[in-house]
Amino acid sequence: MDRRVLFDALLVVVGGLVAYTEAFGFADPRATIQQILAILATLDVRVYLVLSGLFSVVFVGYLVVYLPHARTIRPR
């Protein structure tokens, strides 16, 4: 695994843990997971459509901007 990929994965994990503890604190994990699932179940379909649209825009931007340049960069 590339060092950059490992670093990015570590940042995602740390960011997720920080966001979780900011939102829910150090409460019972089972209760908070049930709360998260209840919140996600009550969201309107339009929220999911907007979030999937934003994800699609970011993903296509990644495909168009980053990937063509990644092939031209050679590892040392």
N, C-alpha and C. Protein backbone atom coordinates (compact mmCIF):
# COMPACT_ATOMS: atom_id res chain seq x y z
N MET A 1 0.85 -1.17 0.00
CA MET A 1 0.00 0.00 0.00
C MET A 1 0.90 1.24 0.00
N ASP A 2 0.52 2.22 -0.76
CA ASP A 2 1.27 3.45 -0.87
C ASP A 2 1.20 4.23 0.44
N ARG A 3 2.25 4.97 0.75
CA ARG A 3 2.27 5.74 2.00
C ARG A 3 1.18 6.80 2.00
N ARG A 4 0.92 7.39 0.85
CA ARG A 4 -0.10 8.44 0.76
C ARG A 4 -1.49 7.86 1.02
N VAL A 5 -1.77 6.68 0.48
CA VAL A 5 -3.08 6.04 0.69
C VAL A 5 -3.25 5.69 2.17
N LEU A 6 -2.20 5.20 2.79
CA LEU A 6 -2.26 4.87 4.21
C LEU A 6 -2.50 6.13 5.04
N PHE A 7 -1.83 7.22 4.69
CA PHE A 7 -2.02 8.48 5.40
C PHE A 7 -3.44 9.00 5.23
N ASP A 8 -3.97 8.95 4.01
CA ASP A 8 -5.34 9.39 3.76
C ASP A 8 -6.35 8.54 4.52
N ALA A 9 -6.14 7.23 4.55
CA ALA A 9 -7.04 6.35 5.30
C ALA A 9 -6.99 6.67 6.79
N LEU A 10 -5.81 6.94 7.30
CA LEU A 10 -5.67 7.30 8.71
C LEU A 10 -6.40 8.60 9.01
N LEU A 11 -6.30 9.58 8.10
CA LEU A 11 -7.02 10.84 8.30
C LEU A 11 -8.54 10.64 8.30
N VAL A 12 -9.03 9.77 7.45
CA VAL A 12 -10.46 9.49 7.41
C VAL A 12 -10.92 8.85 8.71
N VAL A 13 -10.15 7.91 9.22
CA VAL A 13 -10.51 7.24 10.47
C VAL A 13 -10.50 8.22 11.63
N VAL A 14 -9.46 9.03 11.72
CA VAL A 14 -9.36 10.01 12.82
C VAL A 14 -10.49 11.03 12.71
N GLY A 15 -10.76 11.50 11.49
CA GLY A 15 -11.85 12.46 11.30
C GLY A 15 -13.20 11.87 11.68
N GLY A 16 -13.41 10.59 11.34
CA GLY A 16 -14.65 9.93 11.71
C GLY A 16 -14.79 9.78 13.22
N LEU A 17 -13.71 9.43 13.88
CA LEU A 17 -13.75 9.30 15.35
C LEU A 17 -14.00 10.64 16.02
N VAL A 18 -13.37 11.69 15.52
CA VAL A 18 -13.58 13.01 16.10
C VAL A 18 -15.02 13.47 15.88
N ALA A 19 -15.55 13.26 14.68
CA ALA A 19 -16.94 13.65 14.41
C ALA A 19 -17.91 12.86 15.27
N TYR A 20 -17.64 11.57 15.47
CA TYR A 20 -18.51 10.74 16.29
C TYR A 20 -18.51 11.21 17.74
N THR A 21 -17.32 11.47 18.30
CA THR A 21 -17.26 11.89 19.70
C THR A 21 -17.81 13.29 19.88
N GLU A 22 -17.68 14.16 18.86
CA GLU A 22 -18.28 15.49 18.97
C GLU A 22 -19.80 15.41 18.95
N ALA A 23 -20.34 14.52 18.14
CA ALA A 23 -21.79 14.42 18.02
C ALA A 23 -22.42 13.67 19.18
N PHE A 24 -21.81 12.57 19.60
CA PHE A 24 -22.45 11.70 20.58
C PHE A 24 -21.68 11.55 21.88
N GLY A 25 -20.47 12.01 21.96
CA GLY A 25 -19.68 11.87 23.17
C GLY A 25 -19.27 10.43 23.37
N PHE A 26 -18.99 10.08 24.60
CA PHE A 26 -18.56 8.71 24.91
C PHE A 26 -19.72 7.92 25.51
N ALA A 27 -20.83 7.90 24.78
CA ALA A 27 -22.03 7.21 25.25
C ALA A 27 -21.96 5.74 24.84
N ASP A 28 -23.04 5.04 25.15
CA ASP A 28 -23.16 3.63 24.79
C ASP A 28 -23.22 3.51 23.27
N PRO A 29 -22.30 2.75 22.64
CA PRO A 29 -22.28 2.67 21.18
C PRO A 29 -23.54 2.06 20.57
N ARG A 30 -24.15 1.09 21.25
CA ARG A 30 -25.36 0.47 20.70
C ARG A 30 -26.50 1.45 20.63
N ALA A 31 -26.65 2.26 21.66
CA ALA A 31 -27.73 3.25 21.67
C ALA A 31 -27.51 4.29 20.59
N THR A 32 -26.26 4.73 20.42
CA THR A 32 -26.01 5.76 19.42
C THR A 32 -26.16 5.22 18.01
N ILE A 33 -25.82 3.97 17.78
CA ILE A 33 -26.02 3.37 16.46
C ILE A 33 -27.50 3.28 16.15
N GLN A 34 -28.29 2.94 17.14
CA GLN A 34 -29.74 2.90 16.94
C GLN A 34 -30.30 4.30 16.68
N GLN A 35 -29.74 5.31 17.33
CA GLN A 35 -30.16 6.69 17.08
C GLN A 35 -29.79 7.11 15.66
N ILE A 36 -28.60 6.76 15.22
CA ILE A 36 -28.16 7.11 13.87
C ILE A 36 -29.06 6.45 12.84
N LEU A 37 -29.35 5.16 13.03
CA LEU A 37 -30.22 4.46 12.09
C LEU A 37 -31.63 5.05 12.08
N ALA A 38 -32.13 5.45 13.25
CA ALA A 38 -33.46 6.06 13.32
C ALA A 38 -33.47 7.40 12.59
N ILE A 39 -32.41 8.18 12.73
CA ILE A 39 -32.32 9.47 12.03
C ILE A 39 -32.25 9.25 10.52
N LEU A 40 -31.44 8.28 10.10
CA LEU A 40 -31.32 8.01 8.66
C LEU A 40 -32.62 7.47 8.07
N ALA A 41 -33.36 6.72 8.86
CA ALA A 41 -34.63 6.17 8.37
C ALA A 41 -35.69 7.24 8.22
N THR A 42 -35.62 8.31 9.02
CA THR A 42 -36.65 9.35 8.96
C THR A 42 -36.33 10.45 7.96
N LEU A 43 -35.15 10.44 7.35
CA LEU A 43 -34.80 11.46 6.37
C LEU A 43 -35.65 11.32 5.11
N ASP A 44 -35.92 12.45 4.50
CA ASP A 44 -36.72 12.48 3.27
C ASP A 44 -35.87 11.96 2.11
N VAL A 45 -36.53 11.47 1.10
CA VAL A 45 -35.84 10.92 -0.07
C VAL A 45 -35.04 12.00 -0.78
N ARG A 46 -35.52 13.24 -0.73
CA ARG A 46 -34.80 14.34 -1.39
C ARG A 46 -33.42 14.56 -0.79
N VAL A 47 -33.27 14.30 0.49
CA VAL A 47 -31.95 14.44 1.12
C VAL A 47 -30.98 13.43 0.53
N TYR A 48 -31.44 12.21 0.36
CA TYR A 48 -30.59 11.19 -0.25
C TYR A 48 -30.26 11.52 -1.70
N LEU A 49 -31.21 12.09 -2.42
CA LEU A 49 -30.96 12.49 -3.80
C LEU A 49 -29.92 13.60 -3.88
N VAL A 50 -30.01 14.57 -3.00
CA VAL A 50 -29.04 15.66 -2.99
C VAL A 50 -27.65 15.14 -2.61
N LEU A 51 -27.59 14.31 -1.58
CA LEU A 51 -26.29 13.76 -1.16
C LEU A 51 -25.67 12.88 -2.24
N SER A 52 -26.48 12.08 -2.91
CA SER A 52 -25.93 11.24 -3.97
C SER A 52 -25.51 12.09 -5.17
N GLY A 53 -26.21 13.18 -5.44
CA GLY A 53 -25.81 14.09 -6.50
C GLY A 53 -24.48 14.77 -6.20
N LEU A 54 -24.31 15.20 -4.94
CA LEU A 54 -23.03 15.81 -4.55
C LEU A 54 -21.89 14.81 -4.63
N PHE A 55 -22.15 13.59 -4.19
CA PHE A 55 -21.13 12.55 -4.27
C PHE A 55 -20.77 12.27 -5.73
N SER A 56 -21.77 12.27 -6.60
CA SER A 56 -21.52 12.01 -8.02
C SER A 56 -20.68 13.12 -8.65
N VAL A 57 -20.95 14.36 -8.29
CA VAL A 57 -20.16 15.47 -8.82
C VAL A 57 -18.71 15.36 -8.37
N VAL A 58 -18.50 15.05 -7.10
CA VAL A 58 -17.14 14.90 -6.59
C VAL A 58 -16.44 13.72 -7.25
N PHE A 59 -17.15 12.62 -7.44
CA PHE A 59 -16.55 11.44 -8.04
C PHE A 59 -16.17 11.68 -9.50
N VAL A 60 -17.04 12.34 -10.24
CA VAL A 60 -16.72 12.64 -11.63
C VAL A 60 -15.56 13.63 -11.71
N GLY A 61 -15.52 14.58 -10.81
CA GLY A 61 -14.38 15.49 -10.75
C GLY A 61 -13.09 14.76 -10.47
N TYR A 62 -13.14 13.79 -9.59
CA TYR A 62 -11.97 12.95 -9.30
C TYR A 62 -11.54 12.19 -10.54
N LEU A 63 -12.50 11.63 -11.27
CA LEU A 63 -12.18 10.88 -12.48
C LEU A 63 -11.57 11.77 -13.55
N VAL A 64 -12.09 12.98 -13.68
CA VAL A 64 -11.65 13.86 -14.77
C VAL A 64 -10.36 14.59 -14.42
N VAL A 65 -10.20 15.02 -13.18
CA VAL A 65 -9.06 15.86 -12.83
C VAL A 65 -7.89 15.04 -12.30
N TYR A 66 -8.12 14.16 -11.36
CA TYR A 66 -7.01 13.49 -10.68
C TYR A 66 -6.46 12.30 -11.45
N LEU A 67 -7.31 11.43 -11.93
CA LEU A 67 -6.84 10.19 -12.53
C LEU A 67 -5.98 10.37 -13.78
N PRO A 68 -6.30 11.28 -14.69
CA PRO A 68 -5.41 11.43 -15.85
C PRO A 68 -3.99 11.88 -15.46
N HIS A 69 -3.87 12.68 -14.41
CA HIS A 69 -2.55 13.13 -13.96
C HIS A 69 -1.84 12.06 -13.14
N ALA A 70 -2.58 11.19 -12.52
CA ALA A 70 -1.96 10.15 -11.70
C ALA A 70 -1.20 9.14 -12.56
N ARG A 71 -1.62 8.92 -13.79
CA ARG A 71 -0.92 7.99 -14.67
C ARG A 71 0.39 8.56 -15.15
N THR A 72 0.51 9.90 -15.23
CA THR A 72 1.73 10.50 -15.74
C THR A 72 2.80 10.64 -14.67
N ILE A 73 2.41 10.59 -13.41
CA ILE A 73 3.38 10.68 -12.31
C ILE A 73 3.98 9.32 -12.08
N ARG A 74 5.28 9.25 -12.12
CA ARG A 74 5.97 7.96 -11.92
C ARG A 74 6.53 7.88 -10.51
N PRO A 75 6.39 6.74 -9.86
CA PRO A 75 6.97 6.61 -8.52
C PRO A 75 8.49 6.60 -8.59
N ARG A 76 9.10 7.06 -7.53
CA ARG A 76 10.56 7.12 -7.48
C ARG A 76 11.17 5.82 -7.06
